[in-house]
């Protein structure tokens, strides 16, 4: 397919800067009815998508990068983040469960997200935008020549597409694509941008010489943009705002209480609903009287062969930790296939696992079950995860936010023959 170019004519600058105001003055807790206002006519929309094979927890990381970009854009114009619906992920393999067009509110608390940046669901965007149309789609890619030796340079340029974009024009010259399962969505223009650098590198292009009618801009393959402030206050503000949906937290808390003798009060876990008011000292939280384990299998068995243990090796480590920390309960989150899981259960019969009924799985989806697993792991007295797994990374962050001792958090399994078993890096919350 030939490279796609921008076919629109530049008509002028977009709406000018809006009056300064704190975030909570104009977007927190707005209902869809409130969104349709005179001000909405001047609002611009940032949409994004990620490479289809990428998993749930990497996508959460990309959201943090996009939030950083949005904050920069908002210094000049009024923008809102349109949350990309969830669905059709590699690890969501439960049969007979409808798992497309899933709104963020199924997994995360939107009020909490809105206390950091203005966000809206995709269907609310369609209603406010007057239809399922996206003015400009930029497909982000690397530079064909790669990064050459020398000083690192952040840059962005409109370039021919290196790979055929996953969009095709229909007879009306609209662009059709995946669009999160919303087949009615159409793109008006598609072009490719070569990018090298953090998310902020693309901000000037979005602000300068953008047609006034390009109110909605989508960045596809947004994972190509890097973090602007990884590990800093802005990073942690966004990460802390990603509070799990209340109903999933409630399920996890009920499971902890019923099977693991764990409650927030007994475990000295802060019970604050508003993340902006949650500031705890590391080590002040005790955690529930159980060991939590994230044991990644499937593609990690061959993809990370050297630092993923055998089942026997993992069980040996689990029993050693239980003895060392005086714990007689162990919660296991694992993606092991049925045959491996049965073997794990034989080797570790006392293990506890959240196993939803079919009705619960249909309600919570695979993503919700994964969140419940992470929530239970986050509240344990001691946690051990899998090397380079974003699932384990997110648990590290959750435990850091809750104030658990870092020594009980940043631990991972070692391969059976691994000699230099480096443990995870401690990333401290910055308030």
Protein backbone atom coordinates (compact mmCIF):
# COMPACT_ATOMS: atom_id res chain seq x y z
CA UNK A 1 0.00 0.00 0.00
CA UNK A 2 1.29 3.44 -0.83
CA UNK A 3 2.11 5.77 2.02
CA UNK A 4 -0.83 7.80 3.22
CA UNK A 5 -0.65 11.56 3.51
CA UNK A 6 -2.72 14.24 5.12
CA UNK A 7 -5.43 15.22 2.68
CA UNK A 8 -6.98 18.10 4.61
CA UNK A 9 -6.26 21.78 4.01
CA UNK A 10 -4.85 23.77 6.89
CA UNK A 11 -7.55 26.26 7.75
CA UNK A 12 -6.06 28.01 10.73
CA UNK A 13 -5.21 27.70 14.37
CA UNK A 14 -7.41 25.80 16.76
CA UNK A 15 -9.31 27.43 19.57
CA UNK A 16 -7.15 29.67 21.72
CA UNK A 17 -6.05 29.11 25.31
CA UNK A 18 -8.80 28.73 27.84
CA UNK A 19 -8.94 30.62 31.11
CA UNK A 20 -6.76 29.14 33.79
CA UNK A 21 -8.62 27.02 36.27
CA UNK A 22 -7.90 24.12 38.54
CA UNK A 23 -8.81 20.73 37.15
CA UNK A 24 -11.60 20.19 39.64
CA UNK A 25 -13.33 23.43 38.63
CA UNK A 26 -14.37 22.23 35.21
CA UNK A 27 -14.20 18.50 34.79
CA UNK A 28 -14.52 16.49 37.98
CA UNK A 29 -17.69 14.44 38.31
CA UNK A 30 -19.29 15.83 35.17
CA UNK A 31 -22.16 13.78 33.82
CA UNK A 32 -22.66 13.27 30.07
CA UNK A 33 -25.45 15.85 30.23
CA UNK A 34 -23.08 18.45 31.64
CA UNK A 35 -20.48 17.65 29.01
CA UNK A 36 -22.67 18.92 26.19
CA UNK A 37 -22.17 22.64 26.75
CA UNK A 38 -21.03 25.76 24.95
CA UNK A 39 -17.52 25.14 26.20
CA UNK A 40 -17.57 21.65 24.66
CA UNK A 41 -17.71 23.26 21.24
CA UNK A 42 -14.16 24.53 21.79
CA UNK A 43 -12.84 21.41 23.46
CA UNK A 44 -10.40 19.19 21.59
CA UNK A 45 -10.16 15.43 21.96
CA UNK A 46 -7.07 13.23 22.26
CA UNK A 47 -7.61 9.59 21.39
CA UNK A 48 -5.01 6.84 21.21
CA UNK A 49 -4.50 3.15 20.59
CA UNK A 50 -1.74 0.62 21.16
CA UNK A 51 -0.19 -2.19 19.13
CA UNK A 52 -2.79 -5.02 19.22
CA UNK A 53 -0.52 -7.71 20.77
CA UNK A 54 0.27 -5.56 23.81
CA UNK A 55 -1.31 -6.67 27.07
CA UNK A 56 -3.52 -5.05 29.67
CA UNK A 57 -0.78 -3.84 32.01
CA UNK A 58 1.44 -2.35 29.30
CA UNK A 59 -1.61 -0.45 28.07
CA UNK A 60 -2.04 0.98 31.54
CA UNK A 61 1.53 2.27 31.29
CA UNK A 62 0.81 3.91 27.92
CA UNK A 63 -2.13 5.71 29.53
CA UNK A 64 0.34 7.37 31.92
CA UNK A 65 2.41 8.59 28.96
CA UNK A 66 -0.68 9.98 27.23
CA UNK A 67 -1.77 11.71 30.43
CA UNK A 68 1.57 13.50 30.50
CA UNK A 69 1.04 14.66 26.92
CA UNK A 70 -2.48 15.85 27.70
CA UNK A 71 -1.24 18.00 30.58
CA UNK A 72 1.13 19.75 28.20
CA UNK A 73 -1.60 20.34 25.62
CA UNK A 74 -3.91 21.74 28.28
CA UNK A 75 -1.48 24.55 29.01
CA UNK A 76 -2.48 26.06 25.66
CA UNK A 77 -5.93 24.69 24.82
CA UNK A 78 -8.79 22.80 26.39
CA UNK A 79 -8.33 19.09 25.72
CA UNK A 80 -9.90 15.93 27.08
CA UNK A 81 -8.64 12.36 26.93
CA UNK A 82 -10.97 9.91 25.22
CA UNK A 83 -10.39 6.54 26.87
CA UNK A 84 -9.85 3.72 24.33
CA UNK A 85 -12.35 0.92 24.99
CA UNK A 86 -10.89 -2.41 26.07
CA UNK A 87 -11.16 -5.66 24.20
CA UNK A 88 -9.65 -8.47 22.18
CA UNK A 89 -6.40 -8.78 24.13
CA UNK A 90 -4.08 -11.77 23.79
CA UNK A 91 -4.40 -12.86 27.43
CA UNK A 92 -8.19 -12.61 27.46
CA UNK A 93 -8.91 -16.08 26.17
CA UNK A 94 -12.02 -17.12 28.10
CA UNK A 95 -14.44 -18.76 25.65
CA UNK A 96 -18.02 -17.62 25.22
CA UNK A 97 -17.42 -14.28 26.95
CA UNK A 98 -18.12 -11.06 25.03
CA UNK A 99 -14.97 -8.99 25.58
CA UNK A 100 -14.99 -6.04 23.18
CA UNK A 101 -16.12 -2.42 23.51
CA UNK A 102 -15.52 -2.58 27.27
CA UNK A 103 -15.61 0.87 28.91
CA UNK A 104 -12.93 1.94 31.36
CA UNK A 105 -15.51 2.23 34.12
CA UNK A 106 -15.70 -1.58 34.17
CA UNK A 107 -12.12 -1.64 35.44
CA UNK A 108 -11.25 1.80 36.84
CA UNK A 109 -12.91 4.53 38.88
CA UNK A 110 -13.55 7.43 36.49
CA UNK A 111 -13.98 9.99 39.24
CA UNK A 112 -10.47 9.18 40.43
CA UNK A 113 -9.04 9.48 36.92
CA UNK A 114 -10.76 12.84 36.49
CA UNK A 115 -9.00 14.24 39.53
CA UNK A 116 -5.78 14.06 37.55
CA UNK A 117 -6.78 14.82 33.94
CA UNK A 118 -10.14 15.24 32.17
CA UNK A 119 -11.23 11.93 30.67
CA UNK A 120 -14.34 10.60 29.00
CA UNK A 121 -15.56 7.25 27.67
CA UNK A 122 -15.60 6.70 23.93
CA UNK A 123 -19.38 6.53 23.70
CA UNK A 124 -19.62 9.90 25.47
CA UNK A 125 -17.19 11.25 22.89
CA UNK A 126 -19.45 10.02 20.07
CA UNK A 127 -22.43 11.76 21.66
CA UNK A 128 -20.60 15.03 22.28
CA UNK A 129 -18.77 14.98 18.95
CA UNK A 130 -21.98 14.52 16.99
CA UNK A 131 -20.99 11.15 15.56
CA UNK A 132 -18.29 8.46 15.40
CA UNK A 133 -15.82 10.52 13.37
CA UNK A 134 -12.14 11.14 14.14
CA UNK A 135 -10.70 14.11 12.27
CA UNK A 136 -7.03 13.11 12.16
CA UNK A 137 -5.27 9.81 12.81
CA UNK A 138 -1.50 9.76 13.20
CA UNK A 139 0.16 6.34 13.05
CA UNK A 140 3.34 6.58 15.11
CA UNK A 141 6.42 4.69 13.97
CA UNK A 142 10.19 4.62 14.38
CA UNK A 143 12.58 6.33 12.00
CA UNK A 144 13.52 4.18 9.03
CA UNK A 145 17.19 4.95 9.57
CA UNK A 146 16.98 4.10 13.27
CA UNK A 147 18.87 5.87 16.01
CA UNK A 148 22.43 6.63 15.00
CA UNK A 149 25.32 7.03 17.40
CA UNK A 150 25.71 10.39 19.06
CA UNK A 151 23.63 12.59 21.39
CA UNK A 152 20.06 11.50 21.89
CA UNK A 153 17.70 13.69 19.94
CA UNK A 154 13.96 13.96 20.44
CA UNK A 155 12.19 14.58 17.16
CA UNK A 156 9.05 13.99 15.14
CA UNK A 157 8.50 14.19 11.38
CA UNK A 158 5.75 13.32 8.99
CA UNK A 159 7.17 10.47 6.93
CA UNK A 160 5.99 7.78 4.50
CA UNK A 161 4.53 4.82 6.34
CA UNK A 162 7.07 2.06 6.98
CA UNK A 163 4.32 -0.57 7.13
CA UNK A 164 0.91 -0.51 5.49
CA UNK A 165 -1.41 1.18 8.05
CA UNK A 166 -4.27 -0.95 9.28
CA UNK A 167 -6.79 1.44 7.75
CA UNK A 168 -8.50 1.33 4.38
CA UNK A 169 -10.66 3.86 2.57
CA UNK A 170 -14.26 3.05 1.73
CA UNK A 171 -16.17 4.34 -1.27
CA UNK A 172 -16.88 7.59 0.57
CA UNK A 173 -13.13 8.07 1.21
CA UNK A 174 -13.53 7.57 4.94
CA UNK A 175 -10.94 5.45 6.71
CA UNK A 176 -12.11 2.26 8.34
CA UNK A 177 -10.18 0.27 10.91
CA UNK A 178 -10.42 -1.69 14.16
CA UNK A 179 -11.43 1.29 16.32
CA UNK A 180 -11.89 -0.85 19.43
CA UNK A 181 -14.75 -2.82 17.89
CA UNK A 182 -16.82 0.24 16.94
CA UNK A 183 -17.32 -0.59 13.28
CA UNK A 184 -19.30 2.59 12.69
CA UNK A 185 -16.27 4.77 13.49
CA UNK A 186 -14.64 6.58 10.55
CA UNK A 187 -11.37 8.46 10.25
CA UNK A 188 -11.24 11.49 7.98
CA UNK A 189 -7.45 11.62 7.50
CA UNK A 190 -4.59 9.22 8.17
CA UNK A 191 -0.85 9.87 8.02
CA UNK A 192 2.32 8.46 9.56
CA UNK A 193 4.68 10.20 11.97
CA UNK A 194 8.18 9.00 12.76
CA UNK A 195 8.84 9.75 16.42
CA UNK A 196 11.82 9.51 18.71
CA UNK A 197 11.45 10.69 22.26
CA UNK A 198 9.02 11.26 25.09
CA UNK A 199 5.32 11.95 24.72
CA UNK A 200 5.83 15.71 24.88
CA UNK A 201 7.77 15.69 21.59
CA UNK A 202 4.53 15.50 19.65
CA UNK A 203 2.76 18.34 21.49
CA UNK A 204 3.95 21.19 19.23
CA UNK A 205 2.67 19.39 16.14
CA UNK A 206 -0.75 18.97 17.74
CA UNK A 207 -0.88 22.63 18.78
CA UNK A 208 0.72 24.39 15.83
CA UNK A 209 -0.98 24.88 12.48
CA UNK A 210 -3.68 22.33 13.21
CA UNK A 211 -6.94 22.97 11.35
CA UNK A 212 -9.72 24.27 13.50
CA UNK A 213 -11.90 21.41 12.31
CA UNK A 214 -9.37 18.83 13.58
CA UNK A 215 -10.93 18.83 17.00
CA UNK A 216 -10.28 15.11 17.44
CA UNK A 217 -6.81 13.63 17.00
CA UNK A 218 -5.93 9.97 17.46
CA UNK A 219 -2.41 8.67 18.05
CA UNK A 220 -2.18 5.05 16.94
CA UNK A 221 0.74 2.91 18.14
CA UNK A 222 1.11 5.31 21.07
CA UNK A 223 3.53 2.95 22.81
CA UNK A 224 6.21 4.42 20.53
CA UNK A 225 6.25 7.50 22.76
CA UNK A 226 8.33 7.31 25.93
CA UNK A 227 7.67 8.61 29.44
CA UNK A 228 8.34 12.28 30.14
CA UNK A 229 8.65 11.97 33.90
CA UNK A 230 9.07 8.28 34.74
CA UNK A 231 9.15 7.83 38.49
CA UNK A 232 8.56 11.53 39.22
CA UNK A 233 5.61 13.29 40.84
CA UNK A 234 3.68 13.63 37.60
CA UNK A 235 4.10 9.93 36.89
CA UNK A 236 2.90 8.99 40.36
CA UNK A 237 -0.02 11.43 40.31
CA UNK A 238 -1.34 9.69 37.21
CA UNK A 239 -0.54 6.21 38.51
CA UNK A 240 -2.20 6.90 41.85
CA UNK A 241 -5.29 8.20 40.05
CA UNK A 242 -5.73 4.80 38.36
CA UNK A 243 -7.89 3.49 41.18
CA UNK A 244 -9.58 0.19 40.43
CA UNK A 245 -13.35 0.15 40.01
CA UNK A 246 -15.13 0.00 43.35
CA UNK A 247 -17.01 -3.24 42.61
CA UNK A 248 -13.77 -5.10 41.80
CA UNK A 249 -12.10 -3.86 44.97
CA UNK A 250 -15.14 -5.01 46.93
CA UNK A 251 -14.89 -8.51 45.45
CA UNK A 252 -11.19 -8.66 46.28
CA UNK A 253 -11.81 -7.46 49.84
CA UNK A 254 -14.53 -10.04 50.37
CA UNK A 255 -12.23 -12.80 49.10
CA UNK A 256 -9.43 -11.63 51.42
CA UNK A 257 -11.75 -11.66 54.40
CA UNK A 258 -13.33 -15.04 53.62
CA UNK A 259 -10.30 -17.09 52.61
CA UNK A 260 -7.21 -15.24 53.88
CA UNK A 261 -8.30 -13.77 57.22
CA UNK A 262 -7.42 -10.33 55.91
CA UNK A 263 -9.12 -6.98 56.47
CA UNK A 264 -7.83 -3.44 56.11
CA UNK A 265 -8.27 -2.73 59.80
CA UNK A 266 -6.44 -5.84 60.98
CA UNK A 267 -3.73 -5.46 58.33
CA UNK A 268 -3.16 -1.74 59.05
CA UNK A 269 -4.00 -0.88 55.43
CA UNK A 270 -5.23 2.69 54.77
CA UNK A 271 -8.87 2.82 53.77
CA UNK A 272 -9.02 6.15 51.94
CA UNK A 273 -11.25 6.43 48.87
CA UNK A 274 -9.75 9.71 47.59
CA UNK A 275 -6.25 9.08 46.22
CA UNK A 276 -5.37 12.77 46.51
CA UNK A 277 -5.69 12.43 50.30
CA UNK A 278 -3.81 9.13 50.57
CA UNK A 279 -0.23 9.69 51.70
CA UNK A 280 1.33 6.96 53.80
CA UNK A 281 4.75 6.24 55.21
CA UNK A 282 6.47 3.18 53.80
CA UNK A 283 6.32 0.30 56.25
CA UNK A 284 3.31 1.69 58.11
CA UNK A 285 1.06 -0.96 56.54
CA UNK A 286 1.40 -4.56 57.69
CA UNK A 287 -0.49 -6.52 55.07
CA UNK A 288 -2.66 -9.62 55.39
CA UNK A 289 -1.37 -12.84 57.00
CA UNK A 290 -0.60 -14.59 53.73
CA UNK A 291 2.03 -14.88 51.03
CA UNK A 292 1.00 -13.64 47.58
CA UNK A 293 2.54 -15.03 44.42
CA UNK A 294 2.41 -14.01 40.79
CA UNK A 295 3.71 -16.94 38.78
CA UNK A 296 3.77 -16.11 35.07
CA UNK A 297 3.89 -19.11 32.72
CA UNK A 298 2.62 -19.52 29.11
CA UNK A 299 4.80 -17.43 26.75
CA UNK A 300 7.25 -16.58 29.55
CA UNK A 301 8.37 -20.21 29.76
CA UNK A 302 10.08 -19.93 26.38
CA UNK A 303 10.40 -16.14 26.09
CA UNK A 304 12.23 -15.75 29.43
CA UNK A 305 13.54 -19.26 29.86
CA UNK A 306 16.52 -18.33 32.03
CA UNK A 307 14.74 -16.36 34.76
CA UNK A 308 11.46 -18.28 35.05
CA UNK A 309 11.57 -21.23 37.45
CA UNK A 310 10.17 -24.69 36.96
CA UNK A 311 7.04 -25.45 38.96
CA UNK A 312 9.13 -27.47 41.37
CA UNK A 313 11.57 -24.60 41.78
CA UNK A 314 8.74 -22.12 42.35
CA UNK A 315 7.08 -24.30 44.99
CA UNK A 316 10.40 -24.75 46.79
CA UNK A 317 10.80 -20.97 46.97
CA UNK A 318 7.19 -20.48 48.08
CA UNK A 319 7.55 -22.95 50.95
CA UNK A 320 10.81 -21.31 52.02
CA UNK A 321 9.16 -17.87 52.14
CA UNK A 322 6.15 -19.16 54.06
CA UNK A 323 8.45 -20.66 56.68
CA UNK A 324 10.68 -17.58 56.89
CA UNK A 325 7.77 -15.19 57.39
CA UNK A 326 5.58 -17.48 59.50
CA UNK A 327 2.73 -17.62 56.99
CA UNK A 328 0.50 -20.65 56.47
CA UNK A 329 -1.64 -19.26 53.64
CA UNK A 330 -0.55 -18.58 50.07
CA UNK A 331 -2.52 -16.83 47.35
CA UNK A 332 -1.45 -17.61 43.79
CA UNK A 333 -2.16 -15.58 40.67
CA UNK A 334 -1.04 -17.49 37.61
CA UNK A 335 -1.78 -17.87 33.92
CA UNK A 336 -0.69 -21.51 33.91
CA UNK A 337 -2.60 -23.75 31.52
CA UNK A 338 -4.89 -26.36 33.04
CA UNK A 339 -2.30 -29.17 32.97
CA UNK A 340 0.35 -27.04 34.68
CA UNK A 341 -2.16 -25.66 37.14
CA UNK A 342 -3.20 -29.15 38.20
CA UNK A 343 0.46 -30.04 38.74
CA UNK A 344 0.97 -26.84 40.77
CA UNK A 345 -2.06 -27.71 42.88
CA UNK A 346 -0.62 -31.18 43.52
CA UNK A 347 2.72 -29.74 44.60
CA UNK A 348 1.11 -26.97 46.67
CA UNK A 349 -2.30 -28.23 47.84
CA UNK A 350 -2.73 -25.41 50.39
CA UNK A 351 -2.69 -22.72 47.70
CA UNK A 352 -5.66 -20.39 47.38
CA UNK A 353 -6.77 -18.89 44.07
CA UNK A 354 -9.63 -16.66 42.97
CA UNK A 355 -11.63 -18.83 40.58
CA UNK A 356 -14.75 -17.03 39.33
CA UNK A 357 -17.94 -18.79 38.38
CA UNK A 358 -19.02 -18.47 34.76
CA UNK A 359 -21.51 -15.78 35.80
CA UNK A 360 -18.79 -13.83 37.63
CA UNK A 361 -16.43 -14.16 34.67
CA UNK A 362 -19.09 -12.85 32.34
CA UNK A 363 -19.67 -9.91 34.68
CA UNK A 364 -16.06 -9.01 35.53
CA UNK A 365 -14.40 -10.18 32.29
CA UNK A 366 -10.83 -11.49 32.17
CA UNK A 367 -9.55 -7.98 32.84
CA UNK A 368 -11.61 -7.67 35.99
CA UNK A 369 -10.44 -11.06 37.27
CA UNK A 370 -6.83 -9.96 36.70
CA UNK A 371 -7.51 -6.80 38.71
CA UNK A 372 -8.98 -8.82 41.58
CA UNK A 373 -5.82 -10.96 41.54
CA UNK A 374 -3.66 -7.84 41.66
CA UNK A 375 -5.74 -6.33 44.45
CA UNK A 376 -5.38 -9.43 46.63
CA UNK A 377 -1.63 -9.61 45.90
CA UNK A 378 -1.28 -5.93 46.78
CA UNK A 379 -2.59 -6.52 50.31
CA UNK A 380 -0.42 -9.51 51.27
CA UNK A 381 2.16 -9.55 54.06
CA UNK A 382 4.78 -10.59 51.48
CA UNK A 383 4.72 -10.65 47.68
CA UNK A 384 6.91 -12.37 45.11
CA UNK A 385 6.42 -11.90 41.38
CA UNK A 386 7.84 -12.81 37.99
CA UNK A 387 10.84 -11.15 36.36
CA UNK A 388 10.07 -8.34 33.83
CA UNK A 389 6.32 -8.97 34.06
CA UNK A 390 4.20 -5.82 33.83
CA UNK A 391 1.56 -7.66 35.89
CA UNK A 392 4.06 -7.89 38.75
CA UNK A 393 5.22 -4.29 38.16
CA UNK A 394 1.69 -2.98 38.66
CA UNK A 395 1.43 -4.93 41.94
CA UNK A 396 4.71 -3.36 43.08
CA UNK A 397 3.20 0.08 42.46
CA UNK A 398 -0.04 -0.77 44.22
CA UNK A 399 1.81 -1.98 47.30
CA UNK A 400 4.02 1.12 47.24
CA UNK A 401 0.89 3.31 47.20
CA UNK A 402 -0.56 1.37 50.14
CA UNK A 403 2.60 1.87 52.22
CA UNK A 404 3.85 -1.71 52.57
CA UNK A 405 7.51 -2.32 53.39
CA UNK A 406 9.56 -2.38 50.15
CA UNK A 407 11.38 -5.49 51.40
CA UNK A 408 8.08 -7.34 51.23
CA UNK A 409 7.28 -6.04 47.75
CA UNK A 410 10.23 -5.98 45.36
CA UNK A 411 10.89 -9.69 45.09
CA UNK A 412 10.85 -12.06 42.14
CA UNK A 413 11.37 -15.73 41.37
CA UNK A 414 14.75 -16.79 40.01
CA UNK A 415 15.33 -19.32 37.28
CA UNK A 416 16.44 -22.76 38.46
CA UNK A 417 19.91 -22.21 36.99
CA UNK A 418 20.03 -18.43 37.19
CA UNK A 419 23.25 -17.25 38.80
CA UNK A 420 22.84 -13.47 39.01
CA UNK A 421 19.24 -13.14 40.19
CA UNK A 422 18.79 -9.38 40.33
CA UNK A 423 15.72 -8.28 42.24
CA UNK A 424 13.27 -5.58 41.03
CA UNK A 425 14.15 -1.90 41.40
CA UNK A 426 12.40 0.07 44.12
CA UNK A 427 10.46 3.02 42.66
CA UNK A 428 9.35 5.23 45.53
CA UNK A 429 6.16 7.26 45.38
CA UNK A 430 6.77 10.96 44.90
CA UNK A 431 3.99 13.13 46.37
